[in-house]
Amino acid sequence: MIYWNYECSGWEESHMADVYKQSFKQNYTNNIELSIFNCGLERCAPGQTWGPGIRDHYLIHLVVSGKGTFEVGGHMFEVVPGDLFFARPSQLIRYTADEQQPWEYSWVGFNGACAHKLAAQLPFTDERPVHHTSDPEGMRTALTNIYSSRGLQPQDEAAMVARVKDYKAGFVTSDANLSPDMTLEQVVALKEQYGHSTMPVTDDGSAHGKLLGIVTERDYRLSRMSMDEKVADFMTPREKLVVAPDGTSLKAANDIIWDHKLNSLPIVDADDHLVALVFRKDYDSHKSNPDELLDAHKRYMVGAGINSRDYAERVPALVEAGADVLCIDSSEGYSDWQKMTIEWVREHYGNDVKIGAGNVVDAEGFRFLADAGADFVKIGIGGGSICITRETKGIGRGQATATIEVAKARDEYFRETGIYVPICSDGGIVYDHHISLALAMGADFVMLGRYFARFDESPSAKVMVNGTYMKEYWGEGSARARNWGRYDLGGKKSLSFEEGVDSYVPYAGSLKDNMAITLLKLKSTMCNCGALTIPEFQDKAKLTLVSATSIVEGGAHDVLLKDKAPYASNTR
């Protein structure tokens, strides 16, 4: 797992062609497999020197132009364009730009629990800390990509939204395309990058070029082919493809796929240019998931987080990418900043863009955001399993108390104005029955961070902890996430503090299997209360204050469980 800890050093994206720097000042060696410590590109002044000094992380420099010297272990090395020089932690080093031809270099620093394993695979030794690369441009591009991946910028988030919207669009614009002169090596690289096994071949390698063929996993075998073989030599050519004309309905396209036993169907225009692809798996997926939330174009509904700082830049990008719902992501929502954000969205998009706000914990906070124009309000401060806002600042409230009070305020607001503002219970969900409790207390829906973090589909790493598989899970206010834009009040970054923790949650397998069980439990609870809908459930469910003894009685007790250690009987 590679961990990014983002803290802007003041260089804007427009400066990437000149100079850029990114620093990550905290060391997570004990917790993180690989952590990017810093990265950048710099044009040095004549004779500019670093050191003599010692780094506490690994550091690789690529000399792009000019020259200089690198001193380590009592030896001096001349370094020229295309050279990489490598420094290890605790080595006394110094590097100096030439007086006449000062160098320009890119660099990346890294550490982490597995950093030494990566370092051992690099072509550097203590005797030879300088290595000349045969592909300096490729190496420079790789280092630039590291910088570009430093954090979630508005354009990055928009690209993620667009990718999700394209995934189930029915008619999918291909983002992994080939030209006939590309090689098998490039096919494999594109497959690894995009995860697609089906890639159209067009005359210019674009998504809408003239269709020449298609490449699937059935067209090549890595064990029997050379990586430099051309796509034109192993692709399925156009004349062997079944295609459909532009304007074909999705139903008709799926019928063609079924009749011809296809996995994918290219859609072409009158000039045989590729328009889109239709996939069998999308149809099958929809039939096996009839309750999936889709828009009018059969694409997944997508929500996106925004903040009260760069919304003027972020919101237009997200809306253009197809985001269906926006949510102001903040630990404390009762603020004029959120009101200003909502007002800006309404001014520019009217009621066409749905936006939620929060978090709040009382009726006053709810009314403030409802009056500001929020389409929904999130409830909860400090109730999340990885949130430490209450113990850090003394701000927050019990999740049950907050949910009940805000639900009452929501109903009163509806009676007064005729406007129903749904509320989301954000925090306190550990077990499935907590979802039932949150809904019974009045929540219209719930936030499930910990719940989803446990599954295969979560992007975090699966690790072994004390003989048990776990998934990494951390709070947005933790030092690992460094999402100070969500939590801090401005000022120096050095004054930022943590409001979340870095943790593990028990690994639970696949999302689909677990979600089915959770929904079954929820439905069973509702039936026990004689309710078929959530509003009916909220009306009929009876909430009772119970003792600690009652909670113990609610689980297995006074027995030795067969499939668990004795001490686990009270942990449920």
Protein backbone atom coordinates (compact mmCIF):
# COMPACT_ATOMS: atom_id res chain seq x y z
CA MET A 1 0.00 0.00 0.00
CA ILE A 2 1.25 3.47 -0.85
CA TYR A 3 0.16 6.27 1.42
CA TRP A 4 -0.08 9.92 0.45
CA ASN A 5 -0.08 12.60 3.09
CA TYR A 6 -0.96 15.88 1.42
CA GLU A 7 0.19 19.29 2.54
CA CYS A 8 0.50 21.98 -0.12
CA SER A 9 3.78 23.83 -0.04
CA GLY A 10 2.53 26.78 -2.04
CA TRP A 11 3.32 25.82 -5.63
CA GLU A 12 0.33 25.84 -7.96
CA GLU A 13 -0.34 23.35 -10.74
CA SER A 14 0.55 25.94 -13.36
CA HIS A 15 4.12 25.93 -12.08
CA MET A 16 4.72 22.26 -12.76
CA ALA A 17 6.63 23.02 -15.95
CA ASP A 18 9.10 25.10 -13.94
CA VAL A 19 9.49 24.19 -10.31
CA TYR A 20 7.34 22.35 -7.82
CA LYS A 21 7.80 20.89 -4.39
CA GLN A 22 5.77 18.73 -2.07
CA SER A 23 6.75 17.85 1.48
CA PHE A 24 5.25 15.34 3.91
CA LYS A 25 6.84 15.98 7.27
CA GLN A 26 5.62 13.12 9.40
CA ASN A 27 7.15 9.68 9.62
CA TYR A 28 4.79 6.69 9.53
CA THR A 29 7.44 4.00 9.26
CA ASN A 30 5.83 1.74 11.83
CA ASN A 31 2.34 1.82 10.37
CA ILE A 32 2.64 2.33 6.62
CA GLU A 33 4.19 -0.01 4.08
CA LEU A 34 5.36 2.79 1.81
CA SER A 35 4.97 6.51 2.48
CA ILE A 36 5.93 9.28 0.06
CA PHE A 37 7.98 11.72 2.12
CA ASN A 38 8.57 14.46 -0.42
CA CYS A 39 8.84 15.06 -4.17
CA GLY A 40 9.54 17.87 -6.59
CA LEU A 41 11.42 19.46 -9.45
CA GLU A 42 13.96 22.21 -8.92
CA ARG A 43 16.29 24.35 -11.00
CA CYS A 44 19.23 25.08 -8.75
CA ALA A 45 21.33 28.22 -8.56
CA PRO A 46 25.05 27.94 -9.41
CA GLY A 47 26.87 26.22 -6.58
CA GLN A 48 23.63 25.56 -4.64
CA THR A 49 24.38 22.96 -1.96
CA TRP A 50 22.48 20.73 0.42
CA GLY A 51 24.45 19.38 3.35
CA PRO A 52 26.52 18.00 4.69
CA GLY A 53 23.57 16.45 6.44
CA ILE A 54 21.62 13.29 7.20
CA ARG A 55 18.20 12.34 5.85
CA ASP A 56 15.75 10.21 7.84
CA HIS A 57 14.28 8.75 4.66
CA TYR A 58 15.35 7.32 1.30
CA LEU A 59 15.87 9.88 -1.45
CA ILE A 60 16.27 9.50 -5.24
CA HIS A 61 17.29 12.39 -7.52
CA LEU A 62 17.13 12.38 -11.33
CA VAL A 63 19.35 14.95 -13.03
CA VAL A 64 17.40 16.43 -15.94
CA SER A 65 19.96 18.94 -17.16
CA GLY A 66 23.19 20.53 -16.04
CA LYS A 67 25.54 18.75 -13.67
CA GLY A 68 26.88 18.64 -10.14
CA THR A 69 28.47 16.43 -7.50
CA PHE A 70 27.16 13.96 -4.95
CA GLU A 71 29.23 13.16 -1.86
CA VAL A 72 28.58 10.13 0.35
CA GLY A 73 30.75 7.79 2.40
CA GLY A 74 33.82 9.95 1.85
CA HIS A 75 33.57 9.69 -1.94
CA MET A 76 32.57 12.29 -4.52
CA PHE A 77 30.68 11.40 -7.69
CA GLU A 78 30.24 13.53 -10.79
CA VAL A 79 26.56 13.53 -11.81
CA VAL A 80 25.29 14.40 -15.31
CA PRO A 81 21.91 14.38 -17.14
CA GLY A 82 20.26 10.97 -17.02
CA ASP A 83 22.01 10.06 -13.78
CA LEU A 84 20.14 9.01 -10.64
CA PHE A 85 21.78 9.42 -7.25
CA PHE A 86 20.48 7.67 -4.16
CA ALA A 87 20.71 8.52 -0.47
CA ARG A 88 19.83 6.17 2.37
CA PRO A 89 18.62 7.15 5.85
CA SER A 90 21.36 8.06 8.31
CA GLN A 91 24.02 8.56 5.57
CA LEU A 92 26.08 11.74 5.72
CA ILE A 93 25.61 13.30 2.29
CA ARG A 94 26.12 16.50 0.37
CA TYR A 95 25.14 17.43 -3.17
CA THR A 96 26.18 20.56 -5.01
CA ALA A 97 25.14 22.15 -8.32
CA ASP A 98 27.89 23.02 -10.79
CA GLU A 99 28.99 26.67 -10.85
CA GLN A 100 28.82 26.92 -14.64
CA GLN A 101 26.06 24.45 -15.51
CA PRO A 102 23.86 24.14 -12.41
CA TRP A 103 21.60 21.15 -12.52
CA GLU A 104 17.88 20.78 -12.71
CA TYR A 105 16.62 17.68 -10.96
CA SER A 106 13.47 15.81 -10.00
CA TRP A 107 13.33 13.84 -6.78
CA VAL A 108 11.22 11.64 -4.56
CA GLY A 109 11.78 10.75 -0.92
CA PHE A 110 10.11 7.77 0.72
CA ASN A 111 10.02 5.73 3.89
CA GLY A 112 7.79 3.17 5.53
CA ALA A 113 7.90 -0.32 6.93
CA CYS A 114 8.70 -1.89 3.54
CA ALA A 115 10.88 0.91 2.19
CA HIS A 116 14.04 -1.11 2.77
CA LYS A 117 12.66 -3.94 0.63
CA LEU A 118 12.07 -1.51 -2.23
CA ALA A 119 15.52 0.00 -1.77
CA ALA A 120 17.10 -3.46 -2.01
CA GLN A 121 15.61 -3.89 -5.49
CA LEU A 122 17.07 -0.64 -6.80
CA PRO A 123 20.32 -0.60 -8.83
CA PHE A 124 22.25 1.22 -6.10
CA THR A 125 24.93 0.05 -3.69
CA ASP A 126 26.98 1.85 -1.08
CA GLU A 127 29.89 1.74 -3.51
CA ARG A 128 27.78 2.81 -6.51
CA PRO A 129 25.15 5.30 -5.35
CA VAL A 130 24.87 6.78 -8.86
CA HIS A 131 23.13 4.99 -11.74
CA HIS A 132 22.60 6.15 -15.33
CA THR A 133 19.11 5.41 -16.63
CA SER A 134 18.53 4.41 -20.24
CA ASP A 135 15.13 6.13 -20.21
CA PRO A 136 15.53 9.53 -18.51
CA GLU A 137 12.32 10.92 -20.02
CA GLY A 138 10.30 7.95 -18.80
CA MET A 139 11.83 8.29 -15.36
CA ARG A 140 11.05 12.02 -15.28
CA THR A 141 7.46 11.30 -16.29
CA ALA A 142 7.17 8.75 -13.48
CA LEU A 143 8.43 11.25 -10.91
CA THR A 144 6.05 13.90 -12.25
CA ASN A 145 3.18 11.44 -11.91
CA ILE A 146 4.07 10.95 -8.26
CA TYR A 147 3.70 14.67 -7.71
CA SER A 148 0.45 14.76 -9.67
CA SER A 149 -0.97 12.07 -7.38
CA ARG A 150 -0.24 14.04 -4.23
CA GLY A 151 -3.82 14.78 -3.30
CA LEU A 152 -7.38 15.01 -4.45
CA GLN A 153 -7.55 18.18 -6.50
CA PRO A 154 -10.88 19.31 -8.03
CA GLN A 155 -9.96 17.91 -11.44
CA ASP A 156 -8.95 14.60 -9.86
CA GLU A 157 -12.25 14.22 -8.04
CA ALA A 158 -14.14 15.17 -11.19
CA ALA A 159 -12.25 12.51 -13.16
CA MET A 160 -13.23 9.90 -10.57
CA VAL A 161 -16.88 10.92 -10.82
CA ALA A 162 -16.77 10.78 -14.61
CA ARG A 163 -15.24 7.32 -14.51
CA VAL A 164 -18.02 6.02 -12.26
CA LYS A 165 -20.69 7.63 -14.43
CA ASP A 166 -19.22 5.93 -17.49
CA TYR A 167 -19.03 2.53 -15.83
CA LYS A 168 -22.72 1.70 -16.09
CA ALA A 169 -23.76 4.06 -18.82
CA GLY A 170 -25.09 1.31 -21.05
CA PHE A 171 -23.34 2.95 -24.00
CA VAL A 172 -19.79 3.30 -22.71
CA THR A 173 -17.18 5.58 -24.24
CA SER A 174 -13.99 3.55 -24.26
CA ASP A 175 -11.13 4.99 -22.18
CA ALA A 176 -8.62 2.27 -23.13
CA ASN A 177 -8.02 2.34 -26.87
CA LEU A 178 -5.39 0.91 -29.19
CA SER A 179 -3.89 1.72 -32.56
CA PRO A 180 -2.73 -1.07 -34.89
CA ASP A 181 0.96 -0.21 -34.50
CA MET A 182 0.94 -0.52 -30.71
CA THR A 183 2.61 -3.54 -29.10
CA LEU A 184 1.46 -6.34 -26.83
CA GLU A 185 3.48 -4.72 -24.06
CA GLN A 186 1.38 -1.58 -24.39
CA VAL A 187 -1.82 -3.66 -24.39
CA VAL A 188 -0.82 -5.24 -21.08
CA ALA A 189 0.09 -1.84 -19.64
CA LEU A 190 -3.29 -0.38 -20.62
CA LYS A 191 -5.08 -3.35 -19.11
CA GLU A 192 -3.23 -2.86 -15.83
CA GLN A 193 -3.95 0.87 -15.88
CA TYR A 194 -7.66 0.73 -16.66
CA GLY A 195 -8.62 -2.82 -15.71
CA HIS A 196 -10.33 -3.46 -19.06
CA SER A 197 -9.86 -6.74 -20.93
CA THR A 198 -11.73 -5.45 -24.00
CA MET A 199 -10.03 -2.66 -25.97
CA PRO A 200 -11.11 -1.37 -29.39
CA VAL A 201 -8.52 -0.73 -32.10
CA THR A 202 -9.00 2.46 -34.11
CA ASP A 203 -6.94 4.06 -36.85
CA ASP A 204 -5.70 6.83 -34.57
CA GLY A 205 -5.93 5.08 -31.22
CA SER A 206 -8.72 7.35 -30.01
CA ALA A 207 -12.13 6.55 -28.56
CA HIS A 208 -13.90 7.72 -31.71
CA GLY A 209 -11.49 6.83 -34.50
CA LYS A 210 -12.31 4.52 -37.42
CA LEU A 211 -12.87 1.03 -36.00
CA LEU A 212 -10.25 -1.46 -37.26
CA GLY A 213 -10.72 -4.29 -34.79
CA ILE A 214 -10.84 -5.25 -31.15
CA VAL A 215 -8.52 -6.91 -28.66
CA THR A 216 -9.72 -9.13 -25.81
CA GLU A 217 -7.94 -11.62 -23.58
CA ARG A 218 -8.81 -14.32 -26.10
CA ASP A 219 -6.63 -12.67 -28.75
CA TYR A 220 -3.27 -13.18 -27.06
CA ARG A 221 -1.32 -15.46 -24.75
CA LEU A 222 1.56 -13.90 -22.90
CA SER A 223 3.37 -17.21 -22.51
CA ARG A 224 3.51 -17.82 -26.27
CA MET A 225 3.91 -14.34 -27.72
CA SER A 226 6.59 -11.70 -27.85
CA MET A 227 5.84 -8.45 -26.06
CA ASP A 228 6.83 -6.46 -29.15
CA GLU A 229 4.19 -8.08 -31.41
CA LYS A 230 1.97 -5.49 -33.09
CA VAL A 231 -1.71 -5.19 -32.30
CA ALA A 232 -2.51 -5.46 -36.01
CA ASP A 233 -1.10 -9.02 -36.01
CA PHE A 234 -3.28 -10.49 -33.26
CA MET A 235 -6.42 -8.34 -33.00
CA THR A 236 -9.83 -9.54 -34.13
CA PRO A 237 -10.26 -7.52 -37.35
CA ARG A 238 -13.25 -5.34 -38.17
CA GLU A 239 -14.68 -7.72 -40.77
CA LYS A 240 -15.11 -10.40 -38.11
CA LEU A 241 -16.89 -8.14 -35.66
CA VAL A 242 -20.60 -7.82 -35.05
CA VAL A 243 -21.44 -4.12 -34.70
CA ALA A 244 -24.56 -1.98 -34.42
CA PRO A 245 -25.28 1.41 -35.98
CA ASP A 246 -25.42 4.62 -34.00
CA GLY A 247 -28.95 5.22 -32.76
CA THR A 248 -29.52 1.60 -31.73
CA SER A 249 -31.48 1.46 -28.48
CA LEU A 250 -29.96 -0.17 -25.42
CA LYS A 251 -32.60 -2.89 -25.50
CA ALA A 252 -31.84 -3.65 -29.15
CA ALA A 253 -28.11 -3.66 -28.42
CA ASN A 254 -28.58 -6.15 -25.61
CA ASP A 255 -30.71 -8.34 -27.90
CA ILE A 256 -27.89 -8.36 -30.48
CA ILE A 257 -25.40 -9.32 -27.76
CA TRP A 258 -27.66 -12.16 -26.70
CA ASP A 259 -28.44 -13.40 -30.21
CA HIS A 260 -24.77 -13.48 -31.27
CA LYS A 261 -23.39 -14.66 -27.91
CA LEU A 262 -21.14 -11.59 -27.56
CA ASN A 263 -19.42 -10.11 -24.56
CA SER A 264 -19.36 -6.64 -26.08
CA LEU A 265 -20.96 -4.80 -28.98
CA PRO A 266 -19.27 -1.84 -30.74
CA ILE A 267 -21.59 0.98 -31.83
CA VAL A 268 -20.38 2.75 -35.00
CA ASP A 269 -21.56 5.72 -37.04
CA ALA A 270 -22.18 5.87 -40.79
CA ASP A 271 -18.43 6.28 -41.47
CA ASP A 272 -17.57 3.30 -39.28
CA HIS A 273 -16.16 5.47 -36.53
CA LEU A 274 -16.48 4.05 -33.04
CA VAL A 275 -19.19 5.73 -30.99
CA ALA A 276 -19.48 3.53 -27.90
CA LEU A 277 -19.41 0.00 -26.53
CA VAL A 278 -22.20 -2.02 -24.91
CA PHE A 279 -21.19 -4.85 -22.56
CA ARG A 280 -23.00 -8.04 -21.64
CA LYS A 281 -21.77 -7.77 -18.04
CA ASP A 282 -23.59 -4.46 -17.55
CA TYR A 283 -26.90 -6.11 -18.44
CA ASP A 284 -26.17 -9.12 -16.26
CA SER A 285 -25.07 -6.89 -13.39
CA HIS A 286 -28.26 -4.86 -13.57
CA LYS A 287 -30.44 -7.96 -13.57
CA SER A 288 -28.61 -9.38 -10.55
CA ASN A 289 -28.82 -6.04 -8.72
CA PRO A 290 -32.33 -4.77 -9.41
CA ASP A 291 -32.22 -2.22 -6.57
CA GLU A 292 -29.10 -0.40 -7.74
CA LEU A 293 -29.59 3.35 -7.90
CA LEU A 294 -29.34 4.54 -11.51
CA ASP A 295 -30.02 7.81 -13.29
CA ALA A 296 -32.21 8.29 -16.37
CA HIS A 297 -29.35 7.08 -18.58
CA LYS A 298 -28.85 3.87 -16.58
CA ARG A 299 -25.65 5.18 -15.01
CA TYR A 300 -24.79 4.88 -11.35
CA MET A 301 -25.87 7.76 -9.14
CA VAL A 302 -22.75 9.42 -7.75
CA GLY A 303 -22.26 11.68 -4.76
CA ALA A 304 -19.18 13.86 -4.30
CA GLY A 305 -17.72 15.67 -1.32
CA ILE A 306 -16.94 19.39 -1.42
CA ASN A 307 -15.66 21.92 1.10
CA SER A 308 -16.38 25.54 1.94
CA ARG A 309 -13.08 26.79 0.51
CA ASP A 310 -12.60 25.89 -3.15
CA TYR A 311 -16.27 25.23 -4.03
CA ALA A 312 -16.23 27.82 -6.84
CA GLU A 313 -13.65 25.68 -8.63
CA ARG A 314 -14.66 22.21 -7.44
CA VAL A 315 -18.45 22.33 -7.90
CA PRO A 316 -18.46 23.23 -11.63
CA ALA A 317 -15.97 20.44 -12.33
CA LEU A 318 -18.05 17.90 -10.43
CA VAL A 319 -21.33 18.97 -12.02
CA GLU A 320 -19.82 18.76 -15.49
CA ALA A 321 -18.49 15.29 -14.68
CA GLY A 322 -22.01 14.15 -13.82
CA ALA A 323 -22.17 14.21 -10.02
CA ASP A 324 -25.76 13.72 -8.91
CA VAL A 325 -25.41 14.91 -5.31
CA LEU A 326 -22.89 17.14 -3.53
CA CYS A 327 -22.15 17.04 0.18
CA ILE A 328 -20.22 19.62 2.19
CA ASP A 329 -17.74 17.45 4.08
CA SER A 330 -17.05 19.02 7.47
CA SER A 331 -16.90 17.97 11.09
CA GLU A 332 -18.89 21.03 12.19
CA GLY A 333 -21.66 22.31 9.92
CA TYR A 334 -23.23 25.10 11.94
CA SER A 335 -21.22 27.85 10.25
CA ASP A 336 -21.63 30.77 7.88
CA TRP A 337 -19.06 29.13 5.61
CA GLN A 338 -21.51 26.35 4.78
CA LYS A 339 -24.31 28.85 4.32
CA MET A 340 -22.17 30.80 1.84
CA THR A 341 -21.34 27.59 -0.02
CA ILE A 342 -24.99 26.59 -0.35
CA GLU A 343 -25.97 30.10 -1.45
CA TRP A 344 -23.27 30.07 -4.13
CA VAL A 345 -24.54 26.74 -5.49
CA ARG A 346 -28.13 28.02 -5.54
CA GLU A 347 -27.06 31.25 -7.27
CA HIS A 348 -25.25 29.39 -10.04
CA TYR A 349 -27.33 26.22 -10.40
CA GLY A 350 -30.67 26.95 -8.79
CA ASN A 351 -32.32 23.80 -7.53
CA ASP A 352 -30.83 21.60 -10.26
CA VAL A 353 -27.89 20.61 -8.06
CA LYS A 354 -28.67 18.71 -4.87
CA ILE A 355 -26.40 19.63 -1.95
CA GLY A 356 -26.23 18.33 1.60
CA ALA A 357 -24.59 19.99 4.59
CA GLY A 358 -23.46 19.22 8.13
CA ASN A 359 -22.54 17.96 10.57
CA VAL A 360 -24.79 19.26 13.35
CA VAL A 361 -26.13 17.76 16.58
CA ASP A 362 -29.12 19.86 17.58
CA ALA A 363 -32.31 21.49 16.33
CA GLU A 364 -30.72 24.93 16.06
CA GLY A 365 -27.98 23.67 13.77
CA PHE A 366 -30.50 21.78 11.63
CA ARG A 367 -32.73 24.83 11.18
CA PHE A 368 -29.76 26.96 10.24
CA LEU A 369 -28.76 24.63 7.39
CA ALA A 370 -32.35 23.95 6.33
CA ASP A 371 -33.02 27.69 6.08
CA ALA A 372 -29.79 28.07 4.11
CA GLY A 373 -31.21 25.70 1.48
CA ALA A 374 -29.58 22.36 2.25
CA ASP A 375 -31.26 19.40 0.54
CA PHE A 376 -30.27 17.10 3.42
CA VAL A 377 -28.41 17.46 6.70
CA LYS A 378 -25.87 15.13 8.31
CA ILE A 379 -26.10 14.48 12.03
CA GLY A 380 -23.19 13.63 14.31
CA ILE A 381 -20.00 15.07 15.77
CA GLY A 382 -17.55 12.69 17.38
CA GLY A 383 -19.71 9.58 17.05
CA GLY A 384 -17.70 7.86 14.31
CA SER A 385 -15.49 4.93 15.29
CA ILE A 386 -12.36 6.73 14.09
CA CYS A 387 -13.38 10.25 15.19
CA ILE A 388 -11.79 11.85 18.29
CA THR A 389 -13.31 15.32 18.00
CA ARG A 390 -15.02 15.03 21.38
CA GLU A 391 -11.91 14.09 23.31
CA THR A 392 -9.75 16.53 21.32
CA LYS A 393 -11.98 19.61 21.54
CA GLY A 394 -14.89 18.71 23.81
CA ILE A 395 -17.29 19.28 20.92
CA GLY A 396 -20.03 16.78 20.10
CA ARG A 397 -22.98 14.87 21.44
CA GLY A 398 -24.25 11.34 21.85
CA GLN A 399 -25.43 10.06 18.48
CA ALA A 400 -28.80 8.78 19.69
CA THR A 401 -29.65 12.04 21.48
CA ALA A 402 -28.59 14.12 18.49
CA THR A 403 -30.54 12.01 16.00
CA ILE A 404 -33.74 12.06 18.04
CA GLU A 405 -33.62 15.82 18.57
CA VAL A 406 -32.83 16.66 14.96
CA ALA A 407 -35.50 14.25 13.68
CA LYS A 408 -38.04 16.09 15.81
CA ALA A 409 -36.78 19.42 14.42
CA ARG A 410 -37.04 18.08 10.87
CA ASP A 411 -40.69 17.09 11.39
CA GLU A 412 -41.50 20.46 12.93
CA TYR A 413 -39.80 22.23 10.04
CA PHE A 414 -41.87 20.21 7.59
CA ARG A 415 -45.12 21.12 9.34
CA GLU A 416 -44.18 24.81 9.33
CA THR A 417 -42.80 25.14 5.81
CA GLY A 418 -43.96 22.13 3.81
CA ILE A 419 -40.32 21.38 3.03
CA TYR A 420 -39.00 17.99 4.08
CA VAL A 421 -35.24 17.97 4.65
CA PRO A 422 -33.94 14.39 5.09
CA ILE A 423 -31.36 13.73 7.78
CA CYS A 424 -28.43 11.33 7.73
CA SER A 425 -27.13 9.75 10.94
CA ASP A 426 -23.35 9.96 10.57
CA GLY A 427 -21.52 7.96 13.23
CA GLY A 428 -22.10 5.26 15.79
CA ILE A 429 -22.78 2.42 13.32
CA VAL A 430 -20.75 -0.62 14.40
CA TYR A 431 -23.18 -3.52 14.14
CA ASP A 432 -26.06 -4.10 11.74
CA HIS A 433 -28.65 -3.47 14.43
CA HIS A 434 -27.30 0.05 14.88
CA ILE A 435 -28.69 0.87 11.44
CA SER A 436 -32.12 -0.23 12.62
CA LEU A 437 -31.77 1.91 15.74
CA ALA A 438 -30.69 4.98 13.76
CA LEU A 439 -33.65 4.67 11.40
CA ALA A 440 -36.05 4.06 14.28
CA MET A 441 -34.74 7.22 15.96
CA GLY A 442 -35.74 9.21 12.89
CA ALA A 443 -32.84 9.11 10.46
CA ASP A 444 -33.79 8.91 6.78
CA PHE A 445 -30.47 7.26 5.90
CA VAL A 446 -27.13 6.51 7.52
CA MET A 447 -23.44 7.01 6.90
CA LEU A 448 -21.50 3.74 6.77
CA GLY A 449 -17.77 4.45 6.77
CA ARG A 450 -16.62 1.63 9.03
CA TYR A 451 -19.15 -0.74 7.50
CA PHE A 452 -17.76 -0.41 3.96
CA ALA A 453 -14.10 -0.22 5.04
CA ARG A 454 -14.20 -3.94 5.96
CA PHE A 455 -14.85 -5.32 2.48
CA ASP A 456 -12.79 -6.46 -0.49
CA GLU A 457 -14.09 -3.51 -2.49
CA SER A 458 -12.53 -1.02 -0.08
CA PRO A 459 -9.28 0.35 -1.59
CA SER A 460 -7.38 0.11 1.70
CA ALA A 461 -4.85 -2.67 2.30
CA LYS A 462 -5.76 -6.06 3.80
CA VAL A 463 -3.18 -6.92 6.45
CA MET A 464 -2.55 -9.65 9.01
CA VAL A 465 -2.70 -8.42 12.61
CA ASN A 466 -2.10 -10.95 15.38
CA GLY A 467 -3.15 -13.80 13.12
CA THR A 468 -6.35 -12.12 11.93
CA TYR A 469 -7.02 -10.43 8.62
CA MET A 470 -7.86 -6.76 8.99
CA LYS A 471 -8.52 -3.80 6.70
CA GLU A 472 -6.92 -0.41 7.23
CA TYR A 473 -9.32 2.38 8.15
CA TRP A 474 -8.52 5.96 9.08
CA GLY A 475 -10.37 9.16 9.83
CA GLU A 476 -10.38 12.18 7.56
CA GLY A 477 -9.07 14.23 10.45
CA SER A 478 -6.17 11.84 11.12
CA ALA A 479 -2.55 12.64 10.43
CA ARG A 480 -2.61 9.97 7.74
CA ALA A 481 -5.39 11.63 5.73
CA ARG A 482 -4.19 15.17 6.37
CA ASN A 483 -7.53 16.51 5.24
CA TRP A 484 -7.01 19.73 7.16
CA GLY A 485 -9.33 21.51 4.72
CA ARG A 486 -12.15 19.58 6.39
CA TYR A 487 -11.21 20.24 9.98
CA ASP A 488 -8.94 23.19 10.54
CA LEU A 489 -9.86 26.82 10.96
CA GLY A 490 -7.11 28.23 8.78
CA GLY A 491 -3.73 29.62 9.70
CA LYS A 492 -0.44 27.78 9.73
CA LYS A 493 -0.43 24.12 8.77
CA SER A 494 1.87 23.48 11.71
CA LEU A 495 -1.00 24.41 14.03
CA SER A 496 -3.31 21.73 12.61
CA PHE A 497 -4.18 18.86 14.94
CA GLU A 498 -5.74 15.44 14.65
CA GLU A 499 -9.46 14.76 15.04
CA GLY A 500 -9.31 11.18 13.80
CA VAL A 501 -7.26 8.02 14.26
CA ASP A 502 -5.47 5.51 12.07
CA SER A 503 -6.83 2.02 12.73
CA TYR A 504 -7.84 -1.44 11.53
CA VAL A 505 -11.26 -3.07 11.21
CA PRO A 506 -11.97 -6.82 10.91
CA TYR A 507 -11.92 -8.04 7.32
CA ALA A 508 -15.38 -9.20 6.27
CA GLY A 509 -15.10 -10.46 2.68
CA SER A 510 -17.23 -9.24 -0.22
CA LEU A 511 -19.65 -6.33 -0.13
CA LYS A 512 -22.48 -8.12 -1.93
CA ASP A 513 -22.72 -11.04 0.48
CA ASN A 514 -22.55 -8.88 3.58
CA MET A 515 -24.95 -6.26 2.27
CA ALA A 516 -27.55 -8.95 1.58
CA ILE A 517 -27.33 -10.12 5.20
CA THR A 518 -27.52 -6.58 6.55
CA LEU A 519 -30.61 -5.78 4.49
CA LEU A 520 -32.25 -9.02 5.55
CA LYS A 521 -31.68 -8.15 9.22
CA LEU A 522 -33.09 -4.67 8.68
CA LYS A 523 -36.18 -5.97 6.89
CA SER A 524 -36.72 -8.58 9.59
CA THR A 525 -36.54 -5.89 12.30
CA MET A 526 -39.07 -3.75 10.44
CA CYS A 527 -41.41 -6.71 10.06
CA ASN A 528 -41.11 -7.39 13.80
CA CYS A 529 -42.40 -3.86 14.31
CA GLY A 530 -45.19 -4.32 11.76
CA ALA A 531 -43.66 -1.85 9.31
CA LEU A 532 -43.14 -2.12 5.55
CA THR A 533 -41.57 1.31 4.99
CA ILE A 534 -39.05 3.42 6.86
CA PRO A 535 -41.59 6.15 7.76
CA GLU A 536 -43.92 3.45 9.09
CA PHE A 537 -41.01 1.91 10.98
CA GLN A 538 -40.19 5.29 12.57
CA ASP A 539 -43.81 5.64 13.63
CA LYS A 540 -44.28 2.15 15.07
CA ALA A 541 -40.88 1.40 16.58
CA LYS A 542 -40.72 1.84 20.37
CA LEU A 543 -37.50 3.18 21.90
CA THR A 544 -36.85 2.28 25.53
CA LEU A 545 -34.07 3.33 27.87
CA VAL A 546 -32.37 0.17 29.16
CA SER A 547 -29.81 -0.69 31.81
CA ALA A 548 -26.30 -2.05 31.34
CA THR A 549 -27.59 -5.44 32.51
CA SER A 550 -30.22 -5.42 29.77
CA ILE A 551 -27.52 -4.83 27.17
CA VAL A 552 -25.58 -7.83 28.48
CA GLU A 553 -28.74 -9.93 28.39
CA GLY A 554 -29.27 -8.91 24.76
CA GLY A 555 -26.24 -10.93 23.70
CA ALA A 556 -24.92 -14.38 24.43
CA HIS A 557 -24.11 -14.64 28.12
CA ASP A 558 -23.45 -17.18 30.85
CA VAL A 559 -22.44 -19.81 28.30
CA LEU A 560 -19.20 -20.94 26.71
CA LEU A 561 -19.47 -20.37 22.98
CA LYS A 562 -18.26 -23.25 20.83
CA ASP A 563 -16.75 -21.20 18.02
CA LYS A 564 -15.16 -18.36 19.98
CA ALA A 565 -12.67 -17.90 22.76
CA PRO A 566 -14.33 -17.55 26.19
CA TYR A 567 -13.46 -13.88 26.56
CA ALA A 568 -15.18 -13.08 23.26
CA SER A 569 -18.67 -13.86 24.52
CA ASN A 570 -19.20 -10.32 25.69
CA THR A 571 -17.73 -8.58 22.68
CA ARG A 572 -20.37 -9.67 20.18
